[in-house]
PDB file of all heavy atoms in Angstrom:
ATOM      1  N   LEU A   1      23.036   5.132  -0.643  1.00  0.00           N
ATOM      2  CA  LEU A   1      22.162   6.073   0.057  1.00  0.00           C
ATOM      3  C   LEU A   1      20.860   6.276  -0.720  1.00  0.00           C
ATOM      4  O   LEU A   1      19.780   6.363  -0.130  1.00  0.00           O
ATOM      5  CB  LEU A   1      22.887   7.405   0.256  1.00  0.00           C
ATOM      6  CG  LEU A   1      22.448   8.214   1.475  1.00  0.00           C
ATOM      7  CD1 LEU A   1      22.811   7.491   2.759  1.00  0.00           C
ATOM      8  CD2 LEU A   1      23.098   9.597   1.459  1.00  0.00           C
ATOM      9  N   ARG A   2      20.940   6.353  -2.034  1.00  0.00           N
ATOM     10  CA  ARG A   2      19.738   6.512  -2.865  1.00  0.00           C
ATOM     11  C   ARG A   2      18.826   5.293  -2.763  1.00  0.00           C
ATOM     12  O   ARG A   2      17.604   5.418  -2.747  1.00  0.00           O
ATOM     13  CB  ARG A   2      20.127   6.772  -4.311  1.00  0.00           C
ATOM     14  CG  ARG A   2      20.766   8.133  -4.550  1.00  0.00           C
ATOM     15  CD  ARG A   2      21.202   8.278  -5.982  1.00  0.00           C
ATOM     16  NE  ARG A   2      20.053   8.192  -6.894  1.00  0.00           N
ATOM     17  CZ  ARG A   2      20.149   7.926  -8.192  1.00  0.00           C
ATOM     18  NH1 ARG A   2      21.339   7.693  -8.727  1.00  0.00           N
ATOM     19  NH2 ARG A   2      19.074   7.885  -8.944  1.00  0.00           N
ATOM     20  N   VAL A   3      19.429   4.113  -2.694  1.00  0.00           N
ATOM     21  CA  VAL A   3      18.621   2.893  -2.524  1.00  0.00           C
ATOM     22  C   VAL A   3      17.927   2.916  -1.162  1.00  0.00           C
ATOM     23  O   VAL A   3      16.744   2.594  -1.045  1.00  0.00           O
ATOM     24  CB  VAL A   3      19.501   1.634  -2.681  1.00  0.00           C
ATOM     25  CG1 VAL A   3      18.742   0.387  -2.234  1.00  0.00           C
ATOM     26  CG2 VAL A   3      19.952   1.483  -4.129  1.00  0.00           C
ATOM     27  N   LEU A   4      18.658   3.305  -0.117  1.00  0.00           N
ATOM     28  CA  LEU A   4      18.075   3.370   1.217  1.00  0.00           C
ATOM     29  C   LEU A   4      16.933   4.384   1.286  1.00  0.00           C
ATOM     30  O   LEU A   4      15.977   4.203   2.042  1.00  0.00           O
ATOM     31  CB  LEU A   4      19.144   3.735   2.247  1.00  0.00           C
ATOM     32  CG  LEU A   4      20.241   2.695   2.501  1.00  0.00           C
ATOM     33  CD1 LEU A   4      21.308   3.262   3.424  1.00  0.00           C
ATOM     34  CD2 LEU A   4      19.664   1.410   3.081  1.00  0.00           C
ATOM     35  N   ALA A   5      17.035   5.444   0.474  1.00  0.00           N
ATOM     36  CA  ALA A   5      15.996   6.480   0.454  1.00  0.00           C
ATOM     37  C   ALA A   5      14.820   6.104  -0.436  1.00  0.00           C
ATOM     38  O   ALA A   5      13.806   6.817  -0.452  1.00  0.00           O
ATOM     39  CB  ALA A   5      16.590   7.801  -0.020  1.00  0.00           C
ATOM     40  N   GLY A   6      14.936   5.015  -1.182  1.00  0.00           N
ATOM     41  CA  GLY A   6      13.855   4.624  -2.090  1.00  0.00           C
ATOM     42  C   GLY A   6      13.876   5.370  -3.405  1.00  0.00           C
ATOM     43  O   GLY A   6      12.897   5.327  -4.160  1.00  0.00           O
ATOM     44  N   LEU A   7      14.977   6.042  -3.707  1.00  0.00           N
ATOM     45  CA  LEU A   7      15.089   6.813  -4.948  1.00  0.00           C
ATOM     46  C   LEU A   7      15.647   5.990  -6.101  1.00  0.00           C
ATOM     47  O   LEU A   7      15.585   6.425  -7.254  1.00  0.00           O
ATOM     48  CB  LEU A   7      15.972   8.043  -4.725  1.00  0.00           C
ATOM     49  CG  LEU A   7      15.490   9.003  -3.642  1.00  0.00           C
ATOM     50  CD1 LEU A   7      16.498  10.121  -3.431  1.00  0.00           C
ATOM     51  CD2 LEU A   7      14.126   9.578  -4.013  1.00  0.00           C
ATOM     52  N   LEU A   8      16.206   4.846  -5.795  1.00  0.00           N
ATOM     53  CA  LEU A   8      16.737   3.936  -6.803  1.00  0.00           C
ATOM     54  C   LEU A   8      16.259   2.536  -6.449  1.00  0.00           C
ATOM     55  O   LEU A   8      16.432   2.100  -5.305  1.00  0.00           O
ATOM     56  CB  LEU A   8      18.271   3.985  -6.820  1.00  0.00           C
ATOM     57  CG  LEU A   8      18.982   3.126  -7.870  1.00  0.00           C
ATOM     58  CD1 LEU A   8      18.697   3.664  -9.277  1.00  0.00           C
ATOM     59  CD2 LEU A   8      20.485   3.120  -7.603  1.00  0.00           C
ATOM     60  N   PRO A   9      15.637   1.829  -7.399  1.00  0.00           N
ATOM     61  CA  PRO A   9      15.101   0.507  -7.064  1.00  0.00           C
ATOM     62  C   PRO A   9      16.194  -0.533  -6.839  1.00  0.00           C
ATOM     63  O   PRO A   9      17.299  -0.424  -7.387  1.00  0.00           O
ATOM     64  CB  PRO A   9      14.253   0.160  -8.289  1.00  0.00           C
ATOM     65  CG  PRO A   9      14.872   0.935  -9.405  1.00  0.00           C
ATOM     66  CD  PRO A   9      15.347   2.217  -8.795  1.00  0.00           C
ATOM     67  N   CYS A  10      15.879  -1.514  -6.037  1.00  0.00           N
ATOM     68  CA  CYS A  10      16.780  -2.640  -5.822  1.00  0.00           C
ATOM     69  C   CYS A  10      16.682  -3.604  -6.999  1.00  0.00           C
ATOM     70  O   CYS A  10      15.581  -3.962  -7.418  1.00  0.00           O
ATOM     71  CB  CYS A  10      16.424  -3.380  -4.542  1.00  0.00           C
ATOM     72  SG  CYS A  10      16.490  -2.397  -3.031  1.00  0.00           S
ATOM     73  N   ALA A  11      17.825  -4.025  -7.512  1.00  0.00           N
ATOM     74  CA  ALA A  11      17.826  -5.083  -8.513  1.00  0.00           C
ATOM     75  C   ALA A  11      17.677  -6.444  -7.836  1.00  0.00           C
ATOM     76  O   ALA A  11      17.202  -7.409  -8.436  1.00  0.00           O
ATOM     77  CB  ALA A  11      19.112  -5.041  -9.333  1.00  0.00           C
ATOM     78  N   ALA A  12      18.085  -6.510  -6.585  1.00  0.00           N
ATOM     79  CA  ALA A  12      17.923  -7.712  -5.762  1.00  0.00           C
ATOM     80  C   ALA A  12      17.888  -7.258  -4.312  1.00  0.00           C
ATOM     81  O   ALA A  12      18.381  -6.185  -3.969  1.00  0.00           O
ATOM     82  CB  ALA A  12      19.059  -8.695  -5.988  1.00  0.00           C
ATOM     83  N   GLY A  13      17.293  -8.091  -3.454  1.00  0.00           N
ATOM     84  CA  GLY A  13      17.186  -7.741  -2.051  1.00  0.00           C
ATOM     85  C   GLY A  13      16.095  -6.723  -1.808  1.00  0.00           C
ATOM     86  O   GLY A  13      15.308  -6.391  -2.700  1.00  0.00           O
ATOM     87  N   ASP A  14      16.047  -6.212  -0.573  1.00  0.00           N
ATOM     88  CA  ASP A  14      15.025  -5.229  -0.246  1.00  0.00           C
ATOM     89  C   ASP A  14      15.492  -4.332   0.899  1.00  0.00           C
ATOM     90  O   ASP A  14      16.438  -4.644   1.609  1.00  0.00           O
ATOM     91  CB  ASP A  14      13.706  -5.914   0.133  1.00  0.00           C
ATOM     92  CG  ASP A  14      13.776  -6.568   1.511  1.00  0.00           C
ATOM     93  OD1 ASP A  14      14.544  -7.531   1.659  1.00  0.00           O
ATOM     94  OD2 ASP A  14      13.079  -6.110   2.432  1.00  0.00           O
ATOM     95  N   VAL A  15      14.797  -3.192   1.045  1.00  0.00           N
ATOM     96  CA  VAL A  15      15.042  -2.239   2.119  1.00  0.00           C
ATOM     97  C   VAL A  15      13.797  -2.165   2.980  1.00  0.00           C
ATOM     98  O   VAL A  15      12.675  -2.123   2.459  1.00  0.00           O
ATOM     99  CB  VAL A  15      15.373  -0.837   1.557  1.00  0.00           C
ATOM    100  CG1 VAL A  15      15.522   0.182   2.693  1.00  0.00           C
ATOM    101  CG2 VAL A  15      16.645  -0.884   0.718  1.00  0.00           C
ATOM    102  N   GLN A  16      13.994  -2.157   4.303  1.00  0.00           N
ATOM    103  CA  GLN A  16      12.872  -2.041   5.226  1.00  0.00           C
ATOM    104  C   GLN A  16      13.031  -0.775   6.073  1.00  0.00           C
ATOM    105  O   GLN A  16      14.123  -0.471   6.556  1.00  0.00           O
ATOM    106  CB  GLN A  16      12.784  -3.262   6.138  1.00  0.00           C
ATOM    107  CG  GLN A  16      12.380  -4.533   5.408  1.00  0.00           C
ATOM    108  CD  GLN A  16      11.844  -5.596   6.352  1.00  0.00           C
ATOM    109  OE1 GLN A  16      12.070  -5.551   7.554  1.00  0.00           O
ATOM    110  NE2 GLN A  16      11.131  -6.558   5.801  1.00  0.00           N
ATOM    111  N   LEU A  17      11.940  -0.058   6.210  1.00  0.00           N
ATOM    112  CA  LEU A  17      11.879   1.131   7.041  1.00  0.00           C
ATOM    113  C   LEU A  17      10.939   0.855   8.202  1.00  0.00           C
ATOM    114  O   LEU A  17       9.762   0.561   7.993  1.00  0.00           O
ATOM    115  CB  LEU A  17      11.373   2.327   6.219  1.00  0.00           C
ATOM    116  CG  LEU A  17      11.083   3.621   6.977  1.00  0.00           C
ATOM    117  CD1 LEU A  17      12.355   4.196   7.596  1.00  0.00           C
ATOM    118  CD2 LEU A  17      10.417   4.646   6.061  1.00  0.00           C
ATOM    119  N   MET A  18      11.478   0.892   9.406  1.00  0.00           N
ATOM    120  CA  MET A  18      10.692   0.657  10.624  1.00  0.00           C
ATOM    121  C   MET A  18       9.905  -0.652  10.505  1.00  0.00           C
ATOM    122  O   MET A  18       8.704  -0.712  10.735  1.00  0.00           O
ATOM    123  CB  MET A  18       9.781   1.848  10.894  1.00  0.00           C
ATOM    124  CG  MET A  18      10.554   3.154  11.042  1.00  0.00           C
ATOM    125  SD  MET A  18       9.545   4.622  11.301  1.00  0.00           S
ATOM    126  CE  MET A  18       9.110   4.411  13.028  1.00  0.00           C
ATOM    127  N   ASP A  19      10.641  -1.704  10.101  1.00  0.00           N
ATOM    128  CA  ASP A  19      10.138  -3.078  10.053  1.00  0.00           C
ATOM    129  C   ASP A  19       9.085  -3.325   8.978  1.00  0.00           C
ATOM    130  O   ASP A  19       8.412  -4.350   8.996  1.00  0.00           O
ATOM    131  CB  ASP A  19       9.584  -3.514  11.418  1.00  0.00           C
ATOM    132  CG  ASP A  19      10.651  -3.519  12.502  1.00  0.00           C
ATOM    133  OD1 ASP A  19      11.811  -3.847  12.179  1.00  0.00           O
ATOM    134  OD2 ASP A  19      10.347  -3.179  13.652  1.00  0.00           O
ATOM    135  N   GLN A  20       8.941  -2.409   8.028  1.00  0.00           N
ATOM    136  CA  GLN A  20       8.058  -2.623   6.887  1.00  0.00           C
ATOM    137  C   GLN A  20       8.832  -2.388   5.600  1.00  0.00           C
ATOM    138  O   GLN A  20       9.678  -1.489   5.552  1.00  0.00           O
ATOM    139  CB  GLN A  20       6.856  -1.671   6.927  1.00  0.00           C
ATOM    140  CG  GLN A  20       5.884  -1.920   8.059  1.00  0.00           C
ATOM    141  CD  GLN A  20       4.629  -1.078   7.900  1.00  0.00           C
ATOM    142  OE1 GLN A  20       4.088  -0.953   6.813  1.00  0.00           O
ATOM    143  NE2 GLN A  20       4.160  -0.497   8.994  1.00  0.00           N
ATOM    144  N   PRO A  21       8.542  -3.158   4.545  1.00  0.00           N
ATOM    145  CA  PRO A  21       9.217  -2.909   3.271  1.00  0.00           C
ATOM    146  C   PRO A  21       9.068  -1.445   2.865  1.00  0.00           C
ATOM    147  O   PRO A  21       7.973  -0.874   2.941  1.00  0.00           O
ATOM    148  CB  PRO A  21       8.496  -3.844   2.295  1.00  0.00           C
ATOM    149  CG  PRO A  21       8.010  -4.964   3.165  1.00  0.00           C
ATOM    150  CD  PRO A  21       7.635  -4.319   4.472  1.00  0.00           C
ATOM    151  N   LEU A  22      10.151  -0.847   2.434  1.00  0.00           N
ATOM    152  CA  LEU A  22      10.154   0.582   2.113  1.00  0.00           C
ATOM    153  C   LEU A  22       9.088   0.927   1.081  1.00  0.00           C
ATOM    154  O   LEU A  22       8.404   1.955   1.183  1.00  0.00           O
ATOM    155  CB  LEU A  22      11.541   0.976   1.587  1.00  0.00           C
ATOM    156  CG  LEU A  22      11.803   2.455   1.329  1.00  0.00           C
ATOM    157  CD1 LEU A  22      11.706   3.255   2.623  1.00  0.00           C
ATOM    158  CD2 LEU A  22      13.172   2.652   0.685  1.00  0.00           C
ATOM    159  N   LEU A  23       8.908   0.077   0.087  1.00  0.00           N
ATOM    160  CA  LEU A  23       7.987   0.378  -0.999  1.00  0.00           C
ATOM    161  C   LEU A  23       6.521   0.236  -0.593  1.00  0.00           C
ATOM    162  O   LEU A  23       5.632   0.658  -1.346  1.00  0.00           O
ATOM    163  CB  LEU A  23       8.289  -0.517  -2.207  1.00  0.00           C
ATOM    164  CG  LEU A  23       9.676  -0.306  -2.837  1.00  0.00           C
ATOM    165  CD1 LEU A  23       9.870  -1.235  -4.019  1.00  0.00           C
ATOM    166  CD2 LEU A  23       9.878   1.147  -3.244  1.00  0.00           C
ATOM    167  N   ARG A  24       6.258  -0.340   0.565  1.00  0.00           N
ATOM    168  CA  ARG A  24       4.871  -0.456   1.019  1.00  0.00           C
ATOM    169  C   ARG A  24       4.374   0.813   1.704  1.00  0.00           C
ATOM    170  O   ARG A  24       3.172   0.983   1.884  1.00  0.00           O
ATOM    171  CB  ARG A  24       4.721  -1.651   1.968  1.00  0.00           C
ATOM    172  CG  ARG A  24       4.805  -2.999   1.261  1.00  0.00           C
ATOM    173  CD  ARG A  24       4.439  -4.116   2.206  1.00  0.00           C
ATOM    174  NE  ARG A  24       4.649  -5.420   1.580  1.00  0.00           N
ATOM    175  CZ  ARG A  24       4.478  -6.580   2.208  1.00  0.00           C
ATOM    176  NH1 ARG A  24       4.093  -6.582   3.497  1.00  0.00           N
ATOM    177  NH2 ARG A  24       4.704  -7.714   1.593  1.00  0.00           N
ATOM    178  N   TRP A  25       5.316   1.662   2.094  1.00  0.00           N
ATOM    179  CA  TRP A  25       4.910   2.928   2.691  1.00  0.00           C
ATOM    180  C   TRP A  25       4.325   3.836   1.611  1.00  0.00           C
ATOM    181  O   TRP A  25       4.878   3.948   0.519  1.00  0.00           O
ATOM    182  CB  TRP A  25       6.110   3.636   3.327  1.00  0.00           C
ATOM    183  CG  TRP A  25       6.626   3.000   4.574  1.00  0.00           C
ATOM    184  CD1 TRP A  25       7.683   2.136   4.676  1.00  0.00           C
ATOM    185  CD2 TRP A  25       6.140   3.185   5.908  1.00  0.00           C
ATOM    186  NE1 TRP A  25       7.879   1.774   5.977  1.00  0.00           N
ATOM    187  CE2 TRP A  25       6.949   2.408   6.762  1.00  0.00           C
ATOM    188  CE3 TRP A  25       5.103   3.948   6.455  1.00  0.00           C
ATOM    189  CZ2 TRP A  25       6.762   2.360   8.130  1.00  0.00           C
ATOM    190  CZ3 TRP A  25       4.910   3.904   7.826  1.00  0.00           C
ATOM    191  CH2 TRP A  25       5.731   3.113   8.649  1.00  0.00           C
ATOM    192  N   ARG A  26       3.248   4.499   1.919  1.00  0.00           N
ATOM    193  CA  ARG A  26       2.766   5.534   1.013  1.00  0.00           C
ATOM    194  C   ARG A  26       3.793   6.656   0.961  1.00  0.00           C
ATOM    195  O   ARG A  26       4.515   6.898   1.918  1.00  0.00           O
ATOM    196  CB  ARG A  26       1.416   6.070   1.494  1.00  0.00           C
ATOM    197  CG  ARG A  26       0.297   5.030   1.441  1.00  0.00           C
ATOM    198  CD  ARG A  26      -1.012   5.634   1.938  1.00  0.00           C
ATOM    199  NE  ARG A  26      -2.101   4.658   1.881  1.00  0.00           N
ATOM    200  CZ  ARG A  26      -3.328   4.893   2.291  1.00  0.00           C
ATOM    201  NH1 ARG A  26      -3.641   6.090   2.805  1.00  0.00           N
ATOM    202  NH2 ARG A  26      -4.257   3.966   2.202  1.00  0.00           N
ATOM    203  N   THR A  27       3.834   7.339  -0.178  1.00  0.00           N
ATOM    204  CA  THR A  27       4.869   8.352  -0.394  1.00  0.00           C
ATOM    205  C   THR A  27       4.914   9.372   0.729  1.00  0.00           C
ATOM    206  O   THR A  27       5.987   9.705   1.252  1.00  0.00           O
ATOM    207  CB  THR A  27       4.635   9.063  -1.738  1.00  0.00           C
ATOM    208  OG1 THR A  27       4.646   8.094  -2.789  1.00  0.00           O
ATOM    209  CG2 THR A  27       5.722  10.095  -1.996  1.00  0.00           C
ATOM    210  N   ARG A  28       3.764   9.879   1.115  1.00  0.00           N
ATOM    211  CA  ARG A  28       3.734  10.902   2.165  1.00  0.00           C
ATOM    212  C   ARG A  28       4.153  10.327   3.506  1.00  0.00           C
ATOM    213  O   ARG A  28       4.887  10.977   4.264  1.00  0.00           O
ATOM    214  CB  ARG A  28       2.331  11.508   2.258  1.00  0.00           C
ATOM    215  CG  ARG A  28       2.222  12.636   3.268  1.00  0.00           C
ATOM    216  CD  ARG A  28       0.869  13.314   3.204  1.00  0.00           C
ATOM    217  NE  ARG A  28       0.701  14.294   4.261  1.00  0.00           N
ATOM    218  CZ  ARG A  28      -0.403  15.003   4.450  1.00  0.00           C
ATOM    219  NH1 ARG A  28      -1.441  14.850   3.635  1.00  0.00           N
ATOM    220  NH2 ARG A  28      -0.472  15.868   5.440  1.00  0.00           N
ATOM    221  N   GLU A  29       3.727   9.114   3.821  1.00  0.00           N
ATOM    222  CA  GLU A  29       4.106   8.486   5.089  1.00  0.00           C
ATOM    223  C   GLU A  29       5.617   8.248   5.137  1.00  0.00           C
ATOM    224  O   GLU A  29       6.252   8.443   6.173  1.00  0.00           O
ATOM    225  CB  GLU A  29       3.359   7.169   5.266  1.00  0.00           C
ATOM    226  CG  GLU A  29       1.857   7.331   5.463  1.00  0.00           C
ATOM    227  CD  GLU A  29       1.151   5.994   5.538  1.00  0.00           C
ATOM    228  OE1 GLU A  29       1.695   5.017   4.957  1.00  0.00           O
ATOM    229  OE2 GLU A  29       0.088   5.916   6.158  1.00  0.00           O
ATOM    230  N   ARG A  30       6.174   7.811   4.022  1.00  0.00           N
ATOM    231  CA  ARG A  30       7.625   7.585   3.962  1.00  0.00           C
ATOM    232  C   ARG A  30       8.372   8.898   4.137  1.00  0.00           C
ATOM    233  O   ARG A  30       9.382   8.964   4.837  1.00  0.00           O
ATOM    234  CB  ARG A  30       7.992   6.924   2.638  1.00  0.00           C
ATOM    235  CG  ARG A  30       9.469   6.568   2.526  1.00  0.00           C
ATOM    236  CD  ARG A  30       9.735   5.753   1.271  1.00  0.00           C
ATOM    237  NE  ARG A  30       9.550   6.534   0.066  1.00  0.00           N
ATOM    238  CZ  ARG A  30       9.533   6.032  -1.157  1.00  0.00           C
ATOM    239  NH1 ARG A  30       9.646   4.726  -1.335  1.00  0.00           N
ATOM    240  NH2 ARG A  30       9.390   6.813  -2.207  1.00  0.00           N
TER     241      ARG A  30
END
């Protein structure tokens, strides 16, 4: 759950929020 929320980084793979990489969202937008 923390990885999905962007609170813990992925050691491998990635998470996407609304078809964009989670880490590309600005903090406020996320």
